[in-house]
Structure formats: structure tokens, C-alpha cells
Amino acid sequence: MPAPERLYRNLTLGFSLVIIAFGVVILAVTLASGGGPVSAGVLLGLLFLGIGATRLYLAARTRH
């Protein structure tokens, strides 16, 4: 069984990737439906991408 810290790190990385994937899907669906550059779907997709990428960056930065 992995150490709790390693398990937490792996789950954090996994959830970050899932959040990034949600952002990409939201962007793709919005743009495929004809959404403009300032539509709610595009902004929400970019928000998800930013949150996921920031979480990945912070997790990589604090890794020992």
C-alpha cells in the first residue's frame, strides 16, 4: 500500500488532469456549437483549463 502522501499526490495529479480534460471538452463543444470567443462556454472552459494547469504546477513545484 502506498504511503498516504504519495497517494494524495497521485490523486491530486489525476484530478488535475480530469479538470483539464473537462476544460478541453467544454471548449470543443462550445466551439463546435458555434459559440463565440466571449461566450460562457469558452470562458468556463478556459477557467477549467487554468485551474487544472495551476494545480498541476503547484503539485509539481511542491514535490519533494
Protein backbone atom coordinates (compact mmCIF):
# COMPACT_ATOMS: atom_id res chain seq x y z
CA MET A 1 0.00 0.00 0.00
CA PRO A 2 1.47 3.37 -0.95
CA ALA A 3 2.24 5.97 1.64
CA PRO A 4 -0.60 8.44 2.27
CA GLU A 5 1.48 11.34 0.91
CA ARG A 6 2.15 9.50 -2.34
CA LEU A 7 -1.50 8.51 -2.68
CA TYR A 8 -2.58 12.13 -2.09
CA ARG A 9 -0.09 13.39 -4.68
CA ASN A 10 -1.22 10.87 -7.27
CA LEU A 11 -4.90 11.66 -6.68
CA THR A 12 -4.19 15.38 -6.92
CA LEU A 13 -2.41 14.91 -10.24
CA GLY A 14 -5.20 12.67 -11.52
CA PHE A 15 -7.94 15.12 -10.58
CA SER A 16 -5.96 17.96 -12.14
CA LEU A 17 -5.81 16.07 -15.42
CA VAL A 18 -9.55 15.37 -15.23
CA ILE A 19 -10.26 19.07 -14.68
CA ILE A 20 -8.08 19.94 -17.70
CA ALA A 21 -9.93 17.34 -19.78
CA PHE A 22 -13.27 18.88 -18.74
CA GLY A 23 -11.98 22.26 -19.88
CA VAL A 24 -10.96 20.90 -23.26
CA VAL A 25 -14.32 19.17 -23.73
CA ILE A 26 -16.25 22.31 -22.74
CA LEU A 27 -14.22 24.36 -25.20
CA ALA A 28 -14.66 21.82 -28.00
CA VAL A 29 -18.41 21.50 -27.52
CA THR A 30 -18.87 25.27 -27.30
CA LEU A 31 -16.82 25.99 -30.40
CA ALA A 32 -18.47 23.15 -32.34
CA SER A 33 -21.87 24.61 -31.44
CA GLY A 34 -20.89 27.99 -32.83
CA GLY A 35 -20.00 29.75 -29.60
CA GLY A 36 -18.04 32.96 -29.92
CA PRO A 37 -14.78 33.87 -28.21
CA VAL A 38 -16.51 35.52 -25.25
CA SER A 39 -19.34 33.01 -24.83
CA ALA A 40 -19.94 31.45 -21.43
CA GLY A 41 -18.72 28.03 -22.61
CA VAL A 42 -15.40 29.36 -23.84
CA LEU A 43 -14.82 31.33 -20.66
CA LEU A 44 -15.80 28.37 -18.48
CA GLY A 45 -13.56 26.03 -20.50
CA LEU A 46 -10.62 28.41 -20.14
CA LEU A 47 -11.33 28.68 -16.41
CA PHE A 48 -11.22 24.89 -16.03
CA LEU A 49 -8.01 24.71 -18.05
CA GLY A 50 -6.43 27.40 -15.88
CA ILE A 51 -7.47 25.80 -12.61
CA GLY A 52 -6.23 22.36 -13.68
CA ALA A 53 -2.94 23.67 -15.02
CA THR A 54 -2.32 25.77 -11.93
CA ARG A 55 -2.99 22.79 -9.69
CA LEU A 56 -0.57 20.67 -11.72
CA TYR A 57 2.06 23.40 -11.50
CA LEU A 58 1.67 23.74 -7.74
CA ALA A 59 1.78 19.98 -7.24
CA ALA A 60 4.96 19.68 -9.32
CA ARG A 61 6.53 22.64 -7.57
CA THR A 62 5.95 21.27 -4.07
CA ARG A 63 7.04 17.73 -4.94
CA HIS A 64 9.99 16.59 -2.82
